[in-house]
Amino acid sequence: MAYHFIGIKGTGMAALAEILHDEKKEVRGSDIEKYIFTQDGLEERGIQILPFDAGNIQPDDTVIIGLSFGKDHPEVKAALDQPGVKTYYYNEYLGHLLERYTSICVAGTHGKSTTTGIIASVLNRYEKTGFLIGDGHGHMPDDAKNFVLESCEFKRHFLAYHPDYAIITNVELDHIDYYKDMDDYISAFQSFADQIKKEAVICGDDPYLKDLHYSCAHVSYGLNEGNDYQAKNVSQSPEGIVYDVYYKDEFVHHVELTEIGYPFLINSLGVFALAHQMGMDPDQIVAGLRSYKGIARRFVCEPIGENVLIDDYAHHPTAIEYMIDAARKRYPGKKIVALYKPDRYSRLQYFLDRFAQSLNTADQVCLLDFPKNAVREDETITVTIDDLLDRCPGSKLLQIDEQSARTLKEMGPAVYVFMSSKDIYLLRDLLKNIL
């Protein structure tokens, strides 16, 4: 019996395929033939990646279906039509997998991937811990006790999970092609909170999380007074972040990290709180924080001569603002070139002015148009890339080609911040080749 993944190059799907491979299962999958960065980890493990074809589905397969694939897809139809084939959607299968471990889910609008990666780094010093990160990476060590999972709220997918522990990083309206309004969005997080079995660790600085009802034990973390875990004496420099952790107003530990920016500061504090609640020694926790090596497409910095290339998954105005601010803190005095490729028409239309406001904190703005396969969610969505260009004075429209790479080179020396959930990293690679 094999596990076949329909859409194996998806970030979560690739990570799950790697986990099942680590569990000594036979794994293969199918996807488009275009290169996607997530296939690197699959190929390193020798996991077969096939072109889509209904003939890929074999009797007695367990088929895991990517969340973007409907029943009309040929492979999905073939799987459903064969009585000997077991089928699960991605989040449905993960819900079952969590039951075999002490489970930790990471939810929130921003910071899920990074926080998941930090938890894995920290908890592995305490007990064997598997992880699934939304950068396409997953791992399950032999005899693992814990499993930490990035848990996305899109279409309420995270309601398939009933974790033992959870960190909720923040709540800010997103996925407006699905959620009707902020109340609807908050209701999803309330439903998720209702499913946490042992303890919730929440960012108490968030304006919404502290007002949710928690039927399990819960603690808060943040920079503000009144949090159970509070970061005090915070300072940042190009060399990193320094702060002191207090629990219930009592000093716990001094922390010095080489990462930069508010997102890493607040997420590392949340991980400290979770690990401390799970029984870890503070010295071990800080050692785990310091050993964190980063994850794919999350503020990945690559200096090349006088230039720096930064790749990040940021696709929301708040995340973009944080990334540009972090780049300024890491590289003070350098020119910041912000590059952004939108993913969803509805997101850009709803947050149009906020996207512009965030991008305009850079010295130069460059934009790429929507992917060719992007679709307008309904007839009310009329936004185009020109609407964002008009709101960013002096901005340039680029493509993923050699000419655009040369245009970027002429803007240097600079710190180039490439931001998108789509393939903007391909333009970064072209620029890197000519610098």
Protein backbone atom coordinates (compact mmCIF):
# COMPACT_ATOMS: atom_id res chain seq x y z
CA MET A 1 0.00 0.00 0.00
CA ALA A 2 1.30 3.44 -0.97
CA TYR A 3 0.35 6.95 0.08
CA HIS A 4 -0.37 9.02 -3.02
CA PHE A 5 -0.54 12.82 -2.74
CA ILE A 6 -2.62 14.78 -5.25
CA GLY A 7 -0.86 18.15 -5.41
CA ILE A 8 2.30 17.01 -3.65
CA LYS A 9 4.19 20.26 -4.29
CA GLY A 10 1.82 22.28 -2.10
CA THR A 11 3.66 23.59 0.95
CA GLY A 12 1.66 21.60 3.49
CA MET A 13 1.34 18.56 1.23
CA ALA A 14 5.08 18.37 0.61
CA ALA A 15 5.76 18.62 4.34
CA LEU A 16 3.23 15.87 5.14
CA ALA A 17 4.67 13.63 2.42
CA GLU A 18 8.11 14.04 4.00
CA ILE A 19 6.70 13.09 7.42
CA LEU A 20 5.08 9.90 6.11
CA HIS A 21 8.31 9.03 4.33
CA ASP A 22 10.16 9.49 7.63
CA GLU A 23 7.61 7.09 9.18
CA LYS A 24 8.86 4.50 6.67
CA LYS A 25 5.74 4.64 4.51
CA GLU A 26 5.81 4.27 0.72
CA VAL A 27 5.07 7.74 -0.65
CA ARG A 28 4.58 9.21 -4.10
CA GLY A 29 2.56 12.06 -5.55
CA SER A 30 1.58 14.11 -8.55
CA ASP A 31 1.57 17.77 -9.52
CA ILE A 32 2.23 20.23 -12.33
CA GLU A 33 5.61 19.87 -14.02
CA LYS A 34 6.69 23.50 -13.37
CA TYR A 35 9.47 23.84 -10.78
CA ILE A 36 8.25 24.77 -7.29
CA PHE A 37 10.77 25.15 -4.46
CA THR A 38 8.93 22.62 -2.29
CA GLN A 39 9.97 19.76 -4.57
CA ASP A 40 13.60 20.03 -3.40
CA GLY A 41 12.91 18.28 -0.08
CA LEU A 42 10.82 15.62 -1.82
CA GLU A 43 13.56 14.87 -4.33
CA GLU A 44 16.18 14.69 -1.57
CA ARG A 45 14.16 11.86 -0.01
CA GLY A 46 13.67 10.12 -3.35
CA ILE A 47 9.90 10.65 -3.32
CA GLN A 48 8.50 10.15 -6.82
CA ILE A 49 6.69 13.15 -8.38
CA LEU A 50 4.46 12.29 -11.34
CA PRO A 51 2.49 14.43 -13.79
CA PHE A 52 -1.23 14.43 -13.08
CA ASP A 53 -2.91 11.33 -14.53
CA ALA A 54 -5.90 9.31 -13.36
CA GLY A 55 -3.79 6.20 -13.93
CA ASN A 56 -1.55 7.21 -11.02
CA ILE A 57 -4.20 5.96 -8.58
CA GLN A 58 -3.56 2.30 -7.73
CA PRO A 59 -5.77 -0.23 -5.91
CA ASP A 60 -5.35 -0.12 -2.11
CA ASP A 61 -3.67 3.32 -2.21
CA THR A 62 -4.30 5.78 0.56
CA VAL A 63 -4.85 9.04 -1.32
CA ILE A 64 -4.31 12.42 0.32
CA ILE A 65 -5.94 15.24 -1.61
CA GLY A 66 -4.70 18.82 -1.64
CA LEU A 67 -7.29 21.30 -0.43
CA SER A 68 -7.47 23.13 -3.75
CA PHE A 69 -8.59 20.03 -5.68
CA GLY A 70 -12.26 19.30 -6.23
CA LYS A 71 -14.10 16.12 -7.10
CA ASP A 72 -13.91 17.00 -10.80
CA HIS A 73 -10.13 16.58 -10.89
CA PRO A 74 -9.28 13.35 -12.79
CA GLU A 75 -7.13 11.88 -10.02
CA VAL A 76 -9.61 12.77 -7.29
CA LYS A 77 -12.42 11.21 -9.32
CA ALA A 78 -10.35 8.07 -9.93
CA ALA A 79 -9.60 7.76 -6.21
CA LEU A 80 -13.22 8.20 -5.19
CA ASP A 81 -14.41 5.70 -7.80
CA GLN A 82 -12.18 2.84 -6.56
CA PRO A 83 -13.71 1.09 -3.52
CA GLY A 84 -10.34 -0.18 -2.27
CA VAL A 85 -8.82 3.29 -2.12
CA LYS A 86 -8.96 5.31 1.10
CA THR A 87 -9.21 9.06 0.58
CA TYR A 88 -8.53 11.96 2.91
CA TYR A 89 -8.25 15.66 2.36
CA TYR A 90 -4.98 17.11 3.66
CA ASN A 91 -6.29 18.58 6.90
CA GLU A 92 -8.54 15.57 7.54
CA TYR A 93 -5.57 13.22 7.47
CA LEU A 94 -3.53 15.53 9.69
CA GLY A 95 -6.33 15.53 12.23
CA HIS A 96 -5.90 11.76 12.58
CA LEU A 97 -2.10 11.94 12.60
CA LEU A 98 -2.11 14.37 15.52
CA GLU A 99 -3.82 11.79 17.72
CA ARG A 100 -0.64 9.65 17.79
CA TYR A 101 1.46 12.35 19.47
CA THR A 102 1.39 15.10 22.05
CA SER A 103 0.18 17.72 19.60
CA ILE A 104 0.96 21.42 19.43
CA CYS A 105 -0.86 23.56 16.85
CA VAL A 106 0.24 27.05 15.83
CA ALA A 107 -2.60 29.28 14.64
CA GLY A 108 -2.91 32.98 13.87
CA THR A 109 -3.01 35.36 10.94
CA HIS A 110 0.72 36.05 10.99
CA GLY A 111 3.78 34.18 12.18
CA LYS A 112 2.56 30.59 12.00
CA SER A 113 5.43 29.15 9.97
CA THR A 114 8.22 30.87 11.88
CA THR A 115 6.67 30.04 15.24
CA THR A 116 6.29 26.38 14.25
CA GLY A 117 9.94 26.27 13.23
CA ILE A 118 11.07 27.86 16.50
CA ILE A 119 9.00 25.41 18.57
CA ALA A 120 10.57 22.47 16.74
CA SER A 121 14.03 23.86 17.45
CA VAL A 122 13.27 24.36 21.15
CA LEU A 123 11.26 21.22 21.98
CA ASN A 124 13.78 18.92 20.29
CA ARG A 125 16.13 19.73 23.17
CA TYR A 126 13.50 18.40 25.55
CA GLU A 127 11.79 15.51 23.79
CA LYS A 128 11.83 14.12 20.25
CA THR A 129 9.57 16.36 18.21
CA GLY A 130 8.21 16.11 14.69
CA PHE A 131 7.07 19.16 12.76
CA LEU A 132 5.09 20.29 9.74
CA ILE A 133 5.91 23.81 8.58
CA GLY A 134 4.14 25.73 5.84
CA ASP A 135 7.42 26.30 4.01
CA GLY A 136 7.22 22.78 2.58
CA HIS A 137 9.32 21.09 5.25
CA GLY A 138 8.28 18.26 7.53
CA HIS A 139 10.10 15.72 9.65
CA MET A 140 9.18 12.96 12.07
CA PRO A 141 12.06 11.43 14.06
CA ASP A 142 11.92 7.86 15.28
CA ASP A 143 10.10 7.52 18.60
CA ALA A 144 8.86 11.13 18.47
CA LYS A 145 6.69 12.19 21.38
CA ASN A 146 5.58 15.62 20.16
CA PHE A 147 4.23 16.88 16.85
CA VAL A 148 4.03 20.59 16.12
CA LEU A 149 1.81 21.64 13.22
CA GLU A 150 1.23 24.91 11.41
CA SER A 151 -2.57 25.27 11.41
CA CYS A 152 -4.23 27.51 8.84
CA GLU A 153 -7.59 29.20 9.34
CA PHE A 154 -8.39 29.42 5.61
CA LYS A 155 -11.91 28.06 5.09
CA ARG A 156 -11.75 26.92 8.73
CA HIS A 157 -9.38 24.11 7.78
CA PHE A 158 -7.78 24.16 11.24
CA LEU A 159 -11.03 22.91 12.77
CA ALA A 160 -9.96 19.42 11.72
CA TYR A 161 -7.44 19.57 14.58
CA HIS A 162 -7.97 18.95 18.31
CA PRO A 163 -4.51 19.71 19.71
CA ASP A 164 -3.23 19.18 23.22
CA TYR A 165 -1.53 22.58 23.17
CA ALA A 166 -1.81 25.59 20.89
CA ILE A 167 -0.15 28.93 20.36
CA ILE A 168 -2.37 31.60 18.81
CA THR A 169 -0.17 34.43 17.59
CA ASN A 170 -2.66 37.11 16.53
CA VAL A 171 -5.97 37.72 14.78
CA GLU A 172 -6.22 40.18 11.89
CA LEU A 173 -8.81 39.85 9.13
CA ASP A 174 -7.59 37.87 6.13
CA HIS A 175 -8.98 35.46 3.51
CA ILE A 176 -11.74 37.91 2.74
CA ASP A 177 -12.75 35.77 -0.25
CA TYR A 178 -14.14 33.34 2.34
CA TYR A 179 -14.85 35.19 5.61
CA LYS A 180 -17.77 37.60 5.55
CA ASP A 181 -16.36 40.05 8.09
CA MET A 182 -14.25 40.33 11.22
CA ASP A 183 -16.92 38.70 13.39
CA ASP A 184 -16.98 35.68 11.10
CA TYR A 185 -13.19 35.49 11.18
CA ILE A 186 -13.06 35.72 14.98
CA SER A 187 -15.72 33.02 15.25
CA ALA A 188 -13.38 30.60 13.48
CA PHE A 189 -10.67 31.22 16.06
CA GLN A 190 -13.21 30.80 18.85
CA SER A 191 -14.18 27.41 17.42
CA PHE A 192 -10.51 26.48 17.23
CA ALA A 193 -9.93 27.58 20.83
CA ASP A 194 -12.85 25.39 21.92
CA GLN A 195 -10.99 22.33 20.59
CA ILE A 196 -7.72 22.80 22.53
CA LYS A 197 -7.49 20.01 25.10
CA LYS A 198 -4.82 21.06 27.62
CA GLU A 199 -3.56 24.62 27.27
CA ALA A 200 -3.70 27.66 25.02
CA VAL A 201 -0.80 30.11 24.83
CA ILE A 202 -2.08 33.39 23.40
CA CYS A 203 -0.60 36.76 22.52
CA GLY A 204 -2.17 39.03 25.11
CA ASP A 205 -1.20 42.15 23.16
CA ASP A 206 -3.67 41.16 20.46
CA PRO A 207 -6.95 43.12 20.72
CA TYR A 208 -9.12 40.06 20.05
CA LEU A 209 -7.49 36.98 21.57
CA LYS A 210 -7.86 38.01 25.18
CA ASP A 211 -11.64 38.29 24.69
CA LEU A 212 -12.09 34.76 23.38
CA HIS A 213 -13.46 32.12 25.76
CA TYR A 214 -11.04 29.35 26.69
CA SER A 215 -12.42 26.17 28.19
CA CYS A 216 -8.87 24.88 28.78
CA ALA A 217 -6.05 26.40 30.81
CA HIS A 218 -4.46 29.42 29.11
CA VAL A 219 -1.62 31.88 29.56
CA SER A 220 -0.80 35.10 27.74
CA TYR A 221 2.45 36.56 26.45
CA GLY A 222 3.42 39.94 25.07
CA LEU A 223 5.22 43.23 25.58
CA ASN A 224 2.42 44.92 27.49
CA GLU A 225 1.76 44.92 31.21
CA GLY A 226 -0.74 42.34 32.41
CA ASN A 227 0.57 39.41 30.37
CA ASP A 228 1.58 36.23 32.21
CA TYR A 229 4.83 36.17 30.22
CA GLN A 230 6.23 39.61 29.44
CA ALA A 231 9.31 40.72 27.54
CA LYS A 232 10.96 43.66 29.30
CA ASN A 233 14.12 45.69 28.65
CA VAL A 234 13.77 45.04 24.93
CA SER A 235 16.41 46.38 22.55
CA GLN A 236 17.22 45.71 18.90
CA SER A 237 20.32 46.42 16.85
CA PRO A 238 21.75 45.11 13.56
CA GLU A 239 23.24 42.28 15.66
CA GLY A 240 19.87 41.05 16.96
CA ILE A 241 17.31 41.19 19.76
CA VAL A 242 17.81 41.39 23.52
CA TYR A 243 15.09 41.07 26.16
CA ASP A 244 14.30 39.74 29.62
CA VAL A 245 11.47 37.27 30.21
CA TYR A 246 9.25 37.78 33.24
CA TYR A 247 6.58 35.34 34.38
CA LYS A 248 3.95 36.65 36.78
CA ASP A 249 6.21 39.71 37.28
CA GLU A 250 9.16 37.52 38.34
CA PHE A 251 12.38 37.51 36.31
CA VAL A 252 12.91 34.18 34.53
CA HIS A 253 15.74 34.54 31.99
CA HIS A 254 17.77 36.94 29.87
CA VAL A 255 17.51 36.33 26.10
CA GLU A 256 19.94 37.39 23.36
CA LEU A 257 19.13 36.33 19.78
CA THR A 258 20.74 37.06 16.43
CA GLU A 259 17.39 37.41 14.62
CA ILE A 260 15.79 40.82 14.09
CA GLY A 261 12.35 42.42 13.88
CA TYR A 262 9.16 42.55 15.94
CA PRO A 263 7.71 39.30 14.49
CA PHE A 264 10.66 37.23 15.69
CA LEU A 265 10.70 39.00 19.03
CA ILE A 266 7.04 38.30 19.81
CA ASN A 267 7.06 34.78 18.33
CA SER A 268 10.16 33.75 20.29
CA LEU A 269 8.48 34.99 23.47
CA GLY A 270 5.39 32.91 22.68
CA VAL A 271 7.54 29.82 22.18
CA PHE A 272 9.31 30.51 25.48
CA ALA A 273 5.91 30.64 27.20
CA LEU A 274 4.73 27.38 25.62
CA ALA A 275 7.94 25.47 26.38
CA HIS A 276 8.03 26.78 29.94
CA GLN A 277 4.43 25.67 30.48
CA MET A 278 5.34 22.23 29.11
CA GLY A 279 8.04 21.91 31.76
CA MET A 280 11.25 22.89 29.98
CA ASP A 281 14.10 24.48 31.88
CA PRO A 282 14.64 28.17 30.89
CA ASP A 283 18.31 27.54 30.03
CA GLN A 284 17.24 24.79 27.62
CA ILE A 285 14.58 27.02 26.09
CA VAL A 286 17.01 29.86 25.38
CA ALA A 287 19.54 27.41 23.94
CA GLY A 288 16.80 26.16 21.62
CA LEU A 289 15.88 29.69 20.59
CA ARG A 290 19.51 30.44 19.77
CA SER A 291 19.90 27.24 17.74
CA TYR A 292 17.00 28.11 15.42
CA LYS A 293 18.35 28.24 11.86
CA GLY A 294 15.39 29.77 10.06
CA ILE A 295 12.97 28.28 7.55
CA ALA A 296 12.42 28.62 3.83
CA ARG A 297 11.00 31.87 2.46
CA ARG A 298 10.85 33.64 5.85
CA PHE A 299 13.23 36.62 5.94
CA VAL A 300 16.02 34.65 4.27
CA CYS A 301 18.92 37.10 3.84
CA GLU A 302 21.73 36.60 1.31
CA PRO A 303 24.45 39.29 1.09
CA ILE A 304 26.09 39.59 -2.34
CA GLY A 305 28.81 42.23 -2.38
CA GLU A 306 27.22 45.54 -1.42
CA ASN A 307 23.74 44.15 -1.99
CA VAL A 308 21.43 41.95 0.09
CA LEU A 309 18.67 39.73 -1.26
CA ILE A 310 15.84 38.93 1.16
CA ASP A 311 13.16 36.38 0.34
CA ASP A 312 9.94 36.31 2.35
CA TYR A 313 6.44 34.86 2.07
CA ALA A 314 4.80 38.16 3.17
CA HIS A 315 1.49 38.64 1.34
CA HIS A 316 -0.50 40.78 3.80
CA PRO A 317 0.06 44.52 4.41
CA THR A 318 1.00 43.99 8.05
CA ALA A 319 3.59 41.35 7.19
CA ILE A 320 5.03 43.57 4.45
CA GLU A 321 5.40 46.47 6.88
CA TYR A 322 7.16 44.21 9.39
CA MET A 323 9.56 42.85 6.76
CA ILE A 324 10.62 46.28 5.52
CA ASP A 325 11.08 47.46 9.10
CA ALA A 326 13.19 44.39 9.92
CA ALA A 327 15.34 45.01 6.83
CA ARG A 328 15.98 48.59 7.98
CA LYS A 329 16.94 47.39 11.46
CA ARG A 330 19.26 44.71 10.09
CA TYR A 331 20.86 46.95 7.45
CA PRO A 332 20.62 50.56 8.69
CA GLY A 333 21.51 53.26 6.18
CA LYS A 334 21.04 51.04 3.13
CA LYS A 335 18.54 51.65 0.35
CA ILE A 336 15.50 49.39 0.67
CA VAL A 337 13.84 48.13 -2.53
CA ALA A 338 10.50 46.44 -1.80
CA LEU A 339 9.19 43.96 -4.37
CA TYR A 340 5.71 42.47 -4.14
CA LYS A 341 3.65 40.09 -6.28
CA PRO A 342 -0.02 39.82 -5.22
CA ASP A 343 -1.72 36.45 -4.96
CA ARG A 344 -5.47 36.99 -4.55
CA TYR A 345 -7.51 39.74 -6.23
CA SER A 346 -9.89 39.94 -3.27
CA ARG A 347 -7.05 40.50 -0.80
CA LEU A 348 -5.52 43.31 -2.87
CA GLN A 349 -8.86 45.02 -3.43
CA TYR A 350 -9.84 44.91 0.25
CA PHE A 351 -6.45 46.06 1.54
CA LEU A 352 -5.43 48.23 -1.42
CA ASP A 353 -4.61 51.40 0.50
CA ARG A 354 -2.92 49.47 3.29
CA PHE A 355 -0.75 47.59 0.79
CA ALA A 356 0.36 50.93 -0.62
CA GLN A 357 0.99 52.39 2.82
CA SER A 358 3.16 49.43 3.82
CA LEU A 359 5.11 49.27 0.56
CA ASN A 360 5.76 53.01 0.57
CA THR A 361 7.82 52.68 3.74
CA ALA A 362 10.58 51.41 1.42
CA ASP A 363 12.81 53.69 -0.66
CA GLN A 364 11.73 52.11 -3.93
CA VAL A 365 8.70 49.97 -4.78
CA CYS A 366 8.62 47.38 -7.57
CA LEU A 367 5.53 45.32 -8.37
CA LEU A 368 4.79 42.21 -10.37
CA ASP A 369 1.37 41.40 -11.79
CA PHE A 370 -0.89 38.62 -10.56
CA PRO A 371 -0.08 35.05 -11.61
CA LYS A 372 -1.69 34.14 -14.92
CA ASN A 373 -3.87 31.52 -13.23
CA ALA A 374 -5.22 33.93 -10.60
CA VAL A 375 -8.99 34.32 -10.86
CA ARG A 376 -11.31 37.07 -9.72
CA GLU A 377 -13.48 35.68 -6.94
CA ASP A 378 -16.68 37.40 -8.15
CA GLU A 379 -17.96 40.27 -10.27
CA THR A 380 -17.37 42.84 -7.51
CA ILE A 381 -13.59 42.30 -7.66
CA THR A 382 -12.28 44.77 -10.22
CA VAL A 383 -8.83 45.68 -8.87
CA THR A 384 -5.76 45.55 -11.14
CA ILE A 385 -2.04 45.92 -10.49
CA ASP A 386 -2.32 49.44 -11.93
CA ASP A 387 -4.42 50.48 -8.93
CA LEU A 388 -1.53 49.64 -6.64
CA LEU A 389 1.05 51.20 -8.95
CA ASP A 390 -0.91 54.46 -8.88
CA ARG A 391 -0.75 54.51 -5.08
CA CYS A 392 3.02 53.91 -4.93
CA PRO A 393 4.80 57.01 -6.33
CA GLY A 394 7.77 56.14 -8.52
CA SER A 395 6.98 52.43 -8.48
CA LYS A 396 7.94 50.15 -11.38
CA LEU A 397 6.15 47.17 -12.90
CA LEU A 398 8.51 44.24 -13.48
CA GLN A 399 8.30 40.71 -14.77
CA ILE A 400 10.24 37.55 -14.05
CA ASP A 401 12.77 38.01 -16.83
CA GLU A 402 16.36 39.06 -17.50
CA GLN A 403 15.41 42.64 -18.37
CA SER A 404 13.70 43.15 -15.02
CA ALA A 405 16.71 41.67 -13.25
CA ARG A 406 18.95 44.19 -15.02
CA THR A 407 16.57 47.01 -14.03
CA LEU A 408 16.86 45.92 -10.41
CA LYS A 409 20.65 45.76 -10.61
CA GLU A 410 20.72 49.39 -11.72
CA MET A 411 18.87 50.36 -8.52
CA GLY A 412 21.70 49.00 -6.37
CA PRO A 413 23.54 48.79 -4.19
CA ALA A 414 20.47 48.03 -2.13
CA VAL A 415 18.64 45.63 0.13
CA TYR A 416 16.07 43.94 -2.12
CA VAL A 417 13.09 42.56 -0.19
CA PHE A 418 11.17 40.05 -2.36
CA MET A 419 7.71 39.41 -0.88
CA SER A 420 4.94 37.12 -2.12
CA SER A 421 3.30 33.76 -1.50
CA LYS A 422 3.88 33.16 -5.22
CA ASP A 423 7.03 32.63 -7.31
CA ILE A 424 8.71 36.03 -6.89
CA TYR A 425 11.81 34.13 -5.74
CA LEU A 426 12.46 33.30 -9.41
CA LEU A 427 13.18 36.99 -10.07
CA ARG A 428 15.46 37.01 -7.03
CA ASP A 429 17.37 34.10 -8.58
CA LEU A 430 17.77 35.99 -11.87
CA LEU A 431 19.08 39.06 -10.03
CA LYS A 432 21.46 36.93 -8.01
CA ASN A 433 22.95 35.51 -11.21
CA ILE A 434 23.97 38.94 -12.52
CA LEU A 435 25.12 40.64 -9.31
